[in-house]
Amino acid sequence: MSHLLVISEAITNILKHAQEGKMSIVSTDSMIHVVVEDNGPGFPLELLPNTKLLSR
């Protein structure tokens, strides 16, 4: 279930904060790779250690 939350949040962030974005899902025999890209404004990298994912 936590994997679905992360994917859902990534999609929501693209829709809310980016002018455009894309998501690719690639499945292999043992893994699923999800790649999310956008051109949103981002945030300063020095804030990254203070961020965390929270379920709502």
Protein backbone atom coordinates (compact mmCIF):
# COMPACT_ATOMS: atom_id res chain seq x y z
CA MET A 1 0.00 0.00 0.00
CA SER A 2 2.87 2.43 0.70
CA HIS A 3 4.06 2.02 -2.90
CA LEU A 4 0.68 3.20 -4.15
CA LEU A 5 0.85 6.22 -1.84
CA VAL A 6 4.26 7.24 -3.21
CA ILE A 7 3.09 6.89 -6.83
CA SER A 8 -0.14 8.77 -6.08
CA GLU A 9 1.78 11.62 -4.42
CA ALA A 10 4.16 11.85 -7.37
CA ILE A 11 1.25 12.14 -9.80
CA THR A 12 -0.51 14.69 -7.56
CA ASN A 13 2.66 16.79 -7.37
CA ILE A 14 2.92 16.89 -11.17
CA LEU A 15 -0.72 17.94 -11.49
CA LYS A 16 -0.51 20.61 -8.78
CA HIS A 17 2.98 22.05 -9.10
CA ALA A 18 4.46 21.34 -12.53
CA GLN A 19 3.55 22.82 -15.86
CA GLU A 20 4.11 19.43 -17.42
CA GLY A 21 5.47 16.05 -16.47
CA LYS A 22 5.54 12.39 -17.36
CA MET A 23 5.57 9.04 -15.66
CA SER A 24 6.99 5.80 -17.01
CA ILE A 25 6.33 2.36 -15.56
CA VAL A 26 8.56 -0.54 -16.57
CA SER A 27 7.95 -4.06 -15.32
CA THR A 28 10.52 -6.83 -15.30
CA ASP A 29 10.25 -10.37 -13.97
CA SER A 30 11.33 -9.26 -10.50
CA MET A 31 10.72 -5.50 -10.27
CA ILE A 32 8.55 -2.58 -11.23
CA HIS A 33 10.36 0.69 -11.94
CA VAL A 34 8.41 3.94 -11.72
CA VAL A 35 10.12 7.07 -13.08
CA VAL A 36 8.47 10.46 -12.57
CA GLU A 37 9.81 13.59 -14.24
CA ASP A 38 8.52 17.16 -14.18
CA ASN A 39 9.63 20.70 -14.80
CA GLY A 40 8.17 22.19 -11.63
CA PRO A 41 9.93 24.85 -9.57
CA GLY A 42 11.37 22.33 -7.11
CA PHE A 43 12.75 23.36 -3.74
CA PRO A 44 16.19 24.29 -2.42
CA LEU A 45 18.36 21.19 -2.01
CA GLU A 46 19.49 22.33 1.43
CA LEU A 47 15.88 21.72 2.62
CA LEU A 48 15.93 18.09 1.44
CA PRO A 49 17.29 16.64 4.71
CA ASN A 50 14.34 18.26 6.54
CA THR A 51 11.62 16.85 4.25
CA LYS A 52 9.73 13.64 4.82
CA LEU A 53 6.79 11.85 3.28
CA LEU A 54 3.66 11.91 5.38
CA SER A 55 0.48 9.96 4.73
CA ARG A 56 -2.64 12.08 4.94
